[in-house]
Amino acid sequence: QVQLLESGGGSVQAGGSLRLSCAASENSFSSYCMAWFRQAPGKERERVAAIDIKFNTIYTASVKGRFTISQDNAKGTLYLQMNSLKPEDTATYYCAAGAACYSVSHFYNYWGQGTQVTVSS
């Protein structure tokens, strides 16, 4: 099984930046769509960014222009660079690997444990 481990979360003031990392136990990038999801208390889990096997990237509208998803194949690490953070970005962020690059979480087979991001105003 693919194991994923997120890191890089923390507390930051509005307008600040964070870079999340997701280390994979094996090279998943050639076989899976890699994605970042987030979930705030009382809200549904949503996909914020994804990168497919052809290195195409997808972003949800609320983060487009502020977040950047990337991957380092040699290191087996997925990243999410988050700039111009807003309080509404506060959530637990998860990395995931799936067989298809659809937005629905059902298509993602492997998940990390999550890392907390808190943005204060």
C-alpha atoms as a PDB file:
ATOM      1  CA  GLN A   1       0.000   0.000   0.000  1.00  0.00           C
ATOM      2  CA  VAL A   2       1.034   3.560  -0.641  1.00  0.00           C
ATOM      3  CA  GLN A   3       1.644   5.460   2.567  1.00  0.00           C
ATOM      4  CA  LEU A   4       1.453   9.241   2.620  1.00  0.00           C
ATOM      5  CA  LEU A   5       2.645  11.604   5.326  1.00  0.00           C
ATOM      6  CA  GLU A   6       1.875  15.328   5.356  1.00  0.00           C
ATOM      7  CA  SER A   7       3.934  17.995   7.059  1.00  0.00           C
ATOM      8  CA  GLY A   8       4.371  21.750   7.014  1.00  0.00           C
ATOM      9  CA  GLY A   9       1.122  22.869   8.586  1.00  0.00           C
ATOM     10  CA  GLY A  10       0.977  25.497  11.276  1.00  0.00           C
ATOM     11  CA  SER A  11      -0.449  28.844  12.287  1.00  0.00           C
ATOM     12  CA  VAL A  12       0.022  31.940  10.183  1.00  0.00           C
ATOM     13  CA  GLN A  13      -1.490  35.397   9.937  1.00  0.00           C
ATOM     14  CA  ALA A  14      -3.668  36.364   7.010  1.00  0.00           C
ATOM     15  CA  GLY A  15      -1.546  37.199   4.000  1.00  0.00           C
ATOM     16  CA  GLY A  16       1.194  34.816   5.026  1.00  0.00           C
ATOM     17  CA  SER A  17       2.492  31.688   3.345  1.00  0.00           C
ATOM     18  CA  LEU A  18       2.978  28.020   4.119  1.00  0.00           C
ATOM     19  CA  ARG A  19       4.397  25.130   2.140  1.00  0.00           C
ATOM     20  CA  LEU A  20       2.909  21.717   2.749  1.00  0.00           C
ATOM     21  CA  SER A  21       4.779  18.533   1.905  1.00  0.00           C
ATOM     22  CA  CYS A  22       3.566  14.989   1.409  1.00  0.00           C
ATOM     23  CA  ALA A  23       6.126  12.204   1.466  1.00  0.00           C
ATOM     24  CA  ALA A  24       5.176   8.966  -0.270  1.00  0.00           C
ATOM     25  CA  SER A  25       6.435   5.527   0.680  1.00  0.00           C
ATOM     26  CA  GLU A  26       6.982   4.729  -2.978  1.00  0.00           C
ATOM     27  CA  ASN A  27       6.872   6.480  -6.322  1.00  0.00           C
ATOM     28  CA  SER A  28       3.164   7.003  -6.900  1.00  0.00           C
ATOM     29  CA  PHE A  29       3.343   9.786  -9.448  1.00  0.00           C
ATOM     30  CA  SER A  30       3.461   7.637 -12.581  1.00  0.00           C
ATOM     31  CA  SER A  31       0.406   5.631 -11.570  1.00  0.00           C
ATOM     32  CA  TYR A  32      -1.863   8.010  -9.670  1.00  0.00           C
ATOM     33  CA  CYS A  33      -3.463  11.371  -9.682  1.00  0.00           C
ATOM     34  CA  MET A  34      -2.049  13.221  -6.685  1.00  0.00           C
ATOM     35  CA  ALA A  35      -4.181  15.750  -4.889  1.00  0.00           C
ATOM     36  CA  TRP A  36      -4.584  17.979  -1.880  1.00  0.00           C
ATOM     37  CA  PHE A  37      -7.886  18.068  -0.042  1.00  0.00           C
ATOM     38  CA  ARG A  38      -8.958  20.128   2.925  1.00  0.00           C
ATOM     39  CA  GLN A  39     -11.715  19.855   5.468  1.00  0.00           C
ATOM     40  CA  ALA A  40     -12.851  22.434   7.979  1.00  0.00           C
ATOM     41  CA  PRO A  41     -15.067  21.545  10.956  1.00  0.00           C
ATOM     42  CA  GLY A  42     -18.681  21.188   9.898  1.00  0.00           C
ATOM     43  CA  LYS A  43     -17.854  21.377   6.208  1.00  0.00           C
ATOM     44  CA  GLU A  44     -17.444  18.822   3.453  1.00  0.00           C
ATOM     45  CA  ARG A  45     -14.035  17.729   2.327  1.00  0.00           C
ATOM     46  CA  GLU A  46     -13.050  19.525  -0.850  1.00  0.00           C
ATOM     47  CA  ARG A  47     -10.258  19.066  -3.325  1.00  0.00           C
ATOM     48  CA  VAL A  48      -8.159  22.190  -3.556  1.00  0.00           C
ATOM     49  CA  ALA A  49      -5.557  21.075  -6.085  1.00  0.00           C
ATOM     50  CA  ALA A  50      -4.515  18.066  -8.135  1.00  0.00           C
ATOM     51  CA  ILE A  51      -1.775  17.037 -10.522  1.00  0.00           C
ATOM     52  CA  ASP A  52      -2.241  14.203 -12.981  1.00  0.00           C
ATOM     53  CA  ILE A  53       0.202  11.774 -14.554  1.00  0.00           C
ATOM     54  CA  LYS A  54       0.807  14.186 -17.417  1.00  0.00           C
ATOM     55  CA  PHE A  55       1.640  16.969 -14.945  1.00  0.00           C
ATOM     56  CA  ASN A  56      -1.523  18.912 -15.669  1.00  0.00           C
ATOM     57  CA  THR A  57      -2.669  20.863 -12.637  1.00  0.00           C
ATOM     58  CA  ILE A  58      -6.167  21.645 -11.417  1.00  0.00           C
ATOM     59  CA  TYR A  59      -7.282  24.106  -8.743  1.00  0.00           C
ATOM     60  CA  THR A  60     -10.538  24.917  -7.086  1.00  0.00           C
ATOM     61  CA  ALA A  61     -11.622  28.470  -7.838  1.00  0.00           C
ATOM     62  CA  SER A  62     -11.148  29.775  -4.305  1.00  0.00           C
ATOM     63  CA  VAL A  63      -7.400  29.039  -4.285  1.00  0.00           C
ATOM     64  CA  LYS A  64      -6.472  29.590  -7.916  1.00  0.00           C
ATOM     65  CA  GLY A  65      -3.704  32.144  -8.199  1.00  0.00           C
ATOM     66  CA  ARG A  66      -2.717  31.685  -4.557  1.00  0.00           C
ATOM     67  CA  PHE A  67      -1.863  27.975  -4.274  1.00  0.00           C
ATOM     68  CA  THR A  68       0.535  25.943  -6.392  1.00  0.00           C
ATOM     69  CA  ILE A  69       0.731  22.153  -6.474  1.00  0.00           C
ATOM     70  CA  SER A  70       3.959  20.498  -7.552  1.00  0.00           C
ATOM     71  CA  GLN A  71       5.861  17.263  -7.154  1.00  0.00           C
ATOM     72  CA  ASP A  72       9.449  16.113  -6.975  1.00  0.00           C
ATOM     73  CA  ASN A  73       9.615  12.661  -8.525  1.00  0.00           C
ATOM     74  CA  ALA A  74      13.166  12.008  -7.365  1.00  0.00           C
ATOM     75  CA  LYS A  75      12.252  12.709  -3.752  1.00  0.00           C
ATOM     76  CA  GLY A  76       8.806  11.155  -3.962  1.00  0.00           C
ATOM     77  CA  THR A  77       7.291  14.281  -2.461  1.00  0.00           C
ATOM     78  CA  LEU A  78       4.169  16.272  -3.274  1.00  0.00           C
ATOM     79  CA  TYR A  79       3.988  19.957  -2.347  1.00  0.00           C
ATOM     80  CA  LEU A  80       1.363  22.618  -1.897  1.00  0.00           C
ATOM     81  CA  GLN A  81       2.684  26.161  -1.805  1.00  0.00           C
ATOM     82  CA  MET A  82       0.068  28.402  -0.213  1.00  0.00           C
ATOM     83  CA  ASN A  83       0.426  32.164  -0.532  1.00  0.00           C
ATOM     84  CA  SER A  84      -1.830  35.058   0.459  1.00  0.00           C
ATOM     85  CA  LEU A  85      -3.556  32.871   2.999  1.00  0.00           C
ATOM     86  CA  LYS A  86      -7.004  33.817   4.218  1.00  0.00           C
ATOM     87  CA  PRO A  87      -8.877  32.823   7.391  1.00  0.00           C
ATOM     88  CA  GLU A  88     -11.233  30.745   5.260  1.00  0.00           C
ATOM     89  CA  ASP A  89      -8.260  28.566   4.283  1.00  0.00           C
ATOM     90  CA  THR A  90      -8.197  27.241   7.845  1.00  0.00           C
ATOM     91  CA  ALA A  91      -8.674  23.469   7.669  1.00  0.00           C
ATOM     92  CA  THR A  92      -6.988  20.125   7.966  1.00  0.00           C
ATOM     93  CA  TYR A  93      -5.144  19.458   4.734  1.00  0.00           C
ATOM     94  CA  TYR A  94      -4.733  15.950   3.348  1.00  0.00           C
ATOM     95  CA  CYS A  95      -2.718  14.593   0.473  1.00  0.00           C
ATOM     96  CA  ALA A  96      -4.230  11.762  -1.515  1.00  0.00           C
ATOM     97  CA  ALA A  97      -3.489   9.414  -4.404  1.00  0.00           C
ATOM     98  CA  GLY A  98      -6.208   8.170  -6.713  1.00  0.00           C
ATOM     99  CA  ALA A  99      -6.835   6.174  -9.847  1.00  0.00           C
ATOM    100  CA  ALA A 100      -8.561   9.110 -11.535  1.00  0.00           C
ATOM    101  CA  CYS A 101      -8.252  12.878 -11.289  1.00  0.00           C
ATOM    102  CA  TYR A 102     -11.876  13.616 -10.523  1.00  0.00           C
ATOM    103  CA  SER A 103     -12.731  15.998  -7.715  1.00  0.00           C
ATOM    104  CA  VAL A 104     -14.766  13.499  -5.719  1.00  0.00           C
ATOM    105  CA  SER A 105     -12.877  11.955  -2.817  1.00  0.00           C
ATOM    106  CA  HIS A 106     -14.240   8.499  -3.658  1.00  0.00           C
ATOM    107  CA  PHE A 107     -11.674   8.188  -6.448  1.00  0.00           C
ATOM    108  CA  TYR A 108      -8.704   8.549  -4.117  1.00  0.00           C
ATOM    109  CA  ASN A 109      -7.498   5.290  -2.623  1.00  0.00           C
ATOM    110  CA  TYR A 110      -4.705   6.464  -0.350  1.00  0.00           C
ATOM    111  CA  TRP A 111      -4.723   9.257   2.182  1.00  0.00           C
ATOM    112  CA  GLY A 112      -2.353  10.888   4.587  1.00  0.00           C
ATOM    113  CA  GLN A 113      -3.274  11.623   8.184  1.00  0.00           C
ATOM    114  CA  GLY A 114      -3.596  15.340   7.607  1.00  0.00           C
ATOM    115  CA  THR A 115      -1.823  18.479   8.728  1.00  0.00           C
ATOM    116  CA  GLN A 116      -3.549  21.436  10.355  1.00  0.00           C
ATOM    117  CA  VAL A 117      -3.430  24.895   8.817  1.00  0.00           C
ATOM    118  CA  THR A 118      -4.759  27.798  10.845  1.00  0.00           C
ATOM    119  CA  VAL A 119      -4.935  31.314   9.420  1.00  0.00           C
ATOM    120  CA  SER A 120      -5.719  34.140  11.808  1.00  0.00           C
ATOM    121  CA  SER A 121      -7.082  37.545  10.906  1.00  0.00           C
END
